[in-house]
Protein backbone atom coordinates (compact mmCIF):
# COMPACT_ATOMS: atom_id res chain seq x y z
CA MET A 1 185.70 88.75 122.01
CA ARG A 2 182.69 88.45 119.70
CA GLY A 3 182.73 89.74 116.15
CA VAL A 4 181.37 93.18 115.35
CA VAL A 5 179.09 93.88 112.42
CA GLY A 6 179.82 97.18 110.68
CA LEU A 7 177.32 99.51 109.04
CA ASP A 8 178.05 97.94 105.67
CA GLY A 9 176.98 94.48 106.96
CA THR A 10 180.46 92.94 107.05
CA SER A 11 181.64 91.32 110.24
CA ARG A 12 184.80 92.36 111.96
CA SER A 13 186.48 90.70 114.85
CA GLY A 14 189.22 91.82 117.11
CA SER A 15 189.79 94.05 120.04
CA VAL A 16 188.55 97.59 120.52
CA GLY A 17 192.08 98.86 119.88
CA ALA A 18 192.18 97.11 116.50
CA ARG A 19 188.87 98.70 115.51
CA ARG A 20 190.08 102.12 116.63
CA GLN A 21 193.28 101.68 114.61
CA ASP A 22 191.26 100.70 111.51
CA SER A 23 189.01 103.74 111.83
CA THR A 24 191.93 106.15 112.07
CA ALA A 25 193.86 104.66 109.17
CA ASP A 26 192.35 107.22 106.79
CA VAL A 27 193.37 110.20 108.93
CA LEU A 28 196.64 112.00 108.20
CA GLY A 29 199.53 110.49 110.09
CA PRO A 30 201.79 112.13 112.64
CA ARG A 31 204.40 112.98 110.00
CA ALA A 32 201.86 115.12 108.15
CA GLY A 33 201.10 116.93 111.41
CA LEU A 34 204.80 117.49 111.98
CA LEU A 35 205.23 118.84 108.46
CA LEU A 36 202.20 121.13 108.76
CA SER A 37 203.33 122.48 112.13
CA THR A 38 206.85 123.13 110.83
CA VAL A 39 205.58 124.91 107.71
CA LEU A 40 203.27 127.10 109.80
CA ALA A 41 206.14 127.99 112.14
CA LEU A 42 208.33 128.97 109.20
CA LEU A 43 205.63 131.00 107.44
CA LEU A 44 204.59 132.87 110.58
CA GLY A 45 208.22 133.53 111.45
CA ALA A 46 208.87 134.87 107.95
CA LEU A 47 205.77 137.08 108.15
CA SER A 48 206.96 138.51 111.44
CA VAL A 49 210.63 139.03 110.54
CA LEU A 50 210.44 139.87 106.83
CA VAL A 51 207.19 141.85 106.61
CA MET A 52 205.80 143.13 109.89
CA LEU A 53 209.02 144.13 111.68
CA PRO A 54 210.24 146.24 108.71
CA ALA A 55 206.77 147.80 108.44
CA ALA A 56 206.83 148.72 112.14
CA GLN A 57 210.34 150.16 111.76
CA HIS A 58 209.19 152.20 108.76
CA LEU A 59 206.30 153.60 110.77
CA ARG A 60 208.65 154.45 113.65
CA SER A 61 211.03 156.22 111.25
CA LEU A 62 208.32 158.82 110.61
CA HIS A 63 208.07 159.70 114.31
CA ASP A 64 210.04 162.92 113.78
CA GLY A 65 208.38 163.75 110.46
CA LEU A 66 206.51 166.95 109.72
CA ARG A 67 202.86 167.13 110.78
CA ALA A 68 200.02 167.91 108.40
CA GLN A 69 196.25 167.68 108.25
CA ALA A 70 195.19 165.13 105.65
CA THR A 71 191.92 164.00 104.12
CA LEU A 72 191.14 160.33 103.60
CA ARG A 73 190.69 159.80 99.83
CA THR A 74 190.18 156.02 99.64
CA ASN A 75 189.31 153.72 102.48
CA GLY A 76 190.27 150.09 102.30
CA PRO A 77 192.27 147.61 104.34
CA CYS A 78 194.72 150.08 105.90
CA MET A 79 196.78 147.26 107.46
CA MET A 80 197.57 146.13 103.90
CA GLY A 81 198.35 149.64 102.63
CA GLY A 82 194.93 150.18 101.03
CA CYS A 83 194.19 153.68 102.38
CA ARG A 84 195.12 156.87 100.52
CA VAL A 85 195.30 160.38 101.94
CA ALA A 86 195.71 163.83 100.42
CA PHE A 87 197.40 166.80 102.07
CA GLU A 88 199.13 170.05 101.17
CA VAL A 89 202.88 170.63 101.17
CA ASP A 90 204.26 174.02 100.11
CA GLY A 91 201.05 174.95 98.31
CA ARG A 92 200.71 171.74 96.27
CA THR A 93 198.45 168.76 96.96
CA VAL A 94 200.18 165.45 97.59
CA GLU A 95 198.30 162.16 97.50
CA SER A 96 199.94 159.15 99.10
CA SER A 97 199.14 155.69 100.39
CA LEU A 98 199.40 154.93 104.07
CA PRO A 99 202.04 152.23 104.57
CA VAL A 100 201.50 148.57 105.31
CA GLY A 101 200.91 148.12 109.02
CA SER A 102 198.78 151.23 109.51
CA GLY A 103 195.98 150.99 112.04
CA GLY A 104 192.50 149.76 111.23
CA ARG A 105 189.77 151.49 109.27
CA LEU A 106 189.87 155.24 109.58
CA GLY A 107 186.26 156.12 108.85
CA PRO A 108 184.45 157.25 105.73
CA VAL A 109 186.14 158.94 102.79
CA GLY A 110 186.62 162.62 103.62
CA THR A 111 187.63 162.02 107.23
CA ARG A 112 190.29 164.44 108.46
CA LEU A 113 193.34 163.01 110.22
CA VAL A 114 196.80 164.07 111.33
CA ILE A 115 199.73 162.54 109.47
CA ARG A 116 203.50 162.72 109.59
CA TYR A 117 205.61 162.88 106.44
CA ARG A 118 209.26 163.21 105.50
CA ALA A 119 210.31 166.69 104.45
CA ASP A 120 212.54 165.34 101.67
CA ASP A 121 209.90 162.88 100.38
CA PRO A 122 206.27 163.80 101.15
CA GLN A 123 205.10 160.52 99.58
CA LEU A 124 206.30 158.70 102.73
CA VAL A 125 203.50 159.26 105.24
CA ALA A 126 201.95 157.64 108.29
CA ARG A 127 199.09 158.47 110.61
CA GLU A 128 200.33 160.18 113.72
CA GLU A 129 198.73 157.42 115.82
CA ASP A 130 200.81 154.80 113.97
CA VAL A 131 204.31 156.31 114.29
CA HIS A 132 204.97 154.16 117.36
CA GLY A 133 204.70 150.97 115.30
CA GLY A 134 200.95 150.79 114.76
CA GLY A 135 199.23 147.53 113.99
CA ALA A 136 202.43 146.23 112.41
CA ALA A 137 204.15 146.00 115.79
CA VAL A 138 201.19 144.11 117.26
CA LEU A 139 200.99 141.74 114.29
CA ALA A 140 204.77 141.17 114.41
CA ALA A 141 204.47 140.15 118.06
CA VAL A 142 201.44 137.91 117.48
CA SER A 143 202.87 136.16 114.42
CA GLY A 144 206.28 135.80 116.10
CA GLY A 145 204.69 134.26 119.19
CA SER A 146 202.63 131.93 117.02
CA ALA A 147 205.76 130.90 115.13
CA LEU A 148 207.44 130.03 118.43
CA LEU A 149 204.38 128.05 119.52
CA PHE A 150 204.27 126.03 116.30
CA GLY A 151 208.06 125.57 116.44
CA ALA A 152 207.79 124.16 119.96
CA LEU A 153 204.94 121.92 118.83
CA SER A 154 207.08 120.65 115.95
CA ALA A 155 209.97 119.91 118.32
CA TYR A 156 207.63 118.03 120.68
CA MET A 157 206.17 116.02 117.81
CA LEU A 158 209.67 115.19 116.51
CA VAL A 159 210.73 113.89 119.93
CA HIS A 160 207.46 111.95 120.28
CA LEU A 161 207.86 110.32 116.84
CA GLY A 162 211.47 109.39 117.67
CA ARG A 163 210.37 107.71 120.90
CA GLN A 164 207.65 105.78 119.09
CA ARG A 165 210.14 104.58 116.49
CA ARG A 166 212.58 103.41 119.20
CA GLU A 167 209.76 101.60 121.03
CA ARG A 168 208.74 99.78 117.86
CA ARG A 169 212.32 98.69 117.20
CA SER A 170 212.83 97.40 120.74
CA ALA A 171 209.46 95.61 120.93
CA PRO A 172 209.64 91.84 120.25
């Protein structure tokens, strides 16, 4: 095969496979991909099990709570616990944050909504629409499924790297 002249003016000779191998030498190797996939699986699994499932269970625990009309006081990322509501309990005004895992944006400040709260602790509230798990249940399922996908990808890559290593050892 004839030599190949690169963009920098230097000549290179060899097969197409050798050139392809040279050009990919700067790219992260398969071990880095395995590590990244494993870390993503662990992080997504932790998000699902340690954050979103407890948030969904907390929302479900308010299913039998007392109902009240509330007014949205601050509007932010409700999924992250950034929304605050105010409502009346026994003649006094209570202001509380909606829990992590609440549904999306609720509308402008001043919007009226129905909430559920615990009789013994009115600070624990949730929108009535969220007491079945809300966005937390959906995010727990999505992040759990993604964790399984990246875990399976990691297992596949581990098997593939093991086969490559055995092939290199057995090759003359």
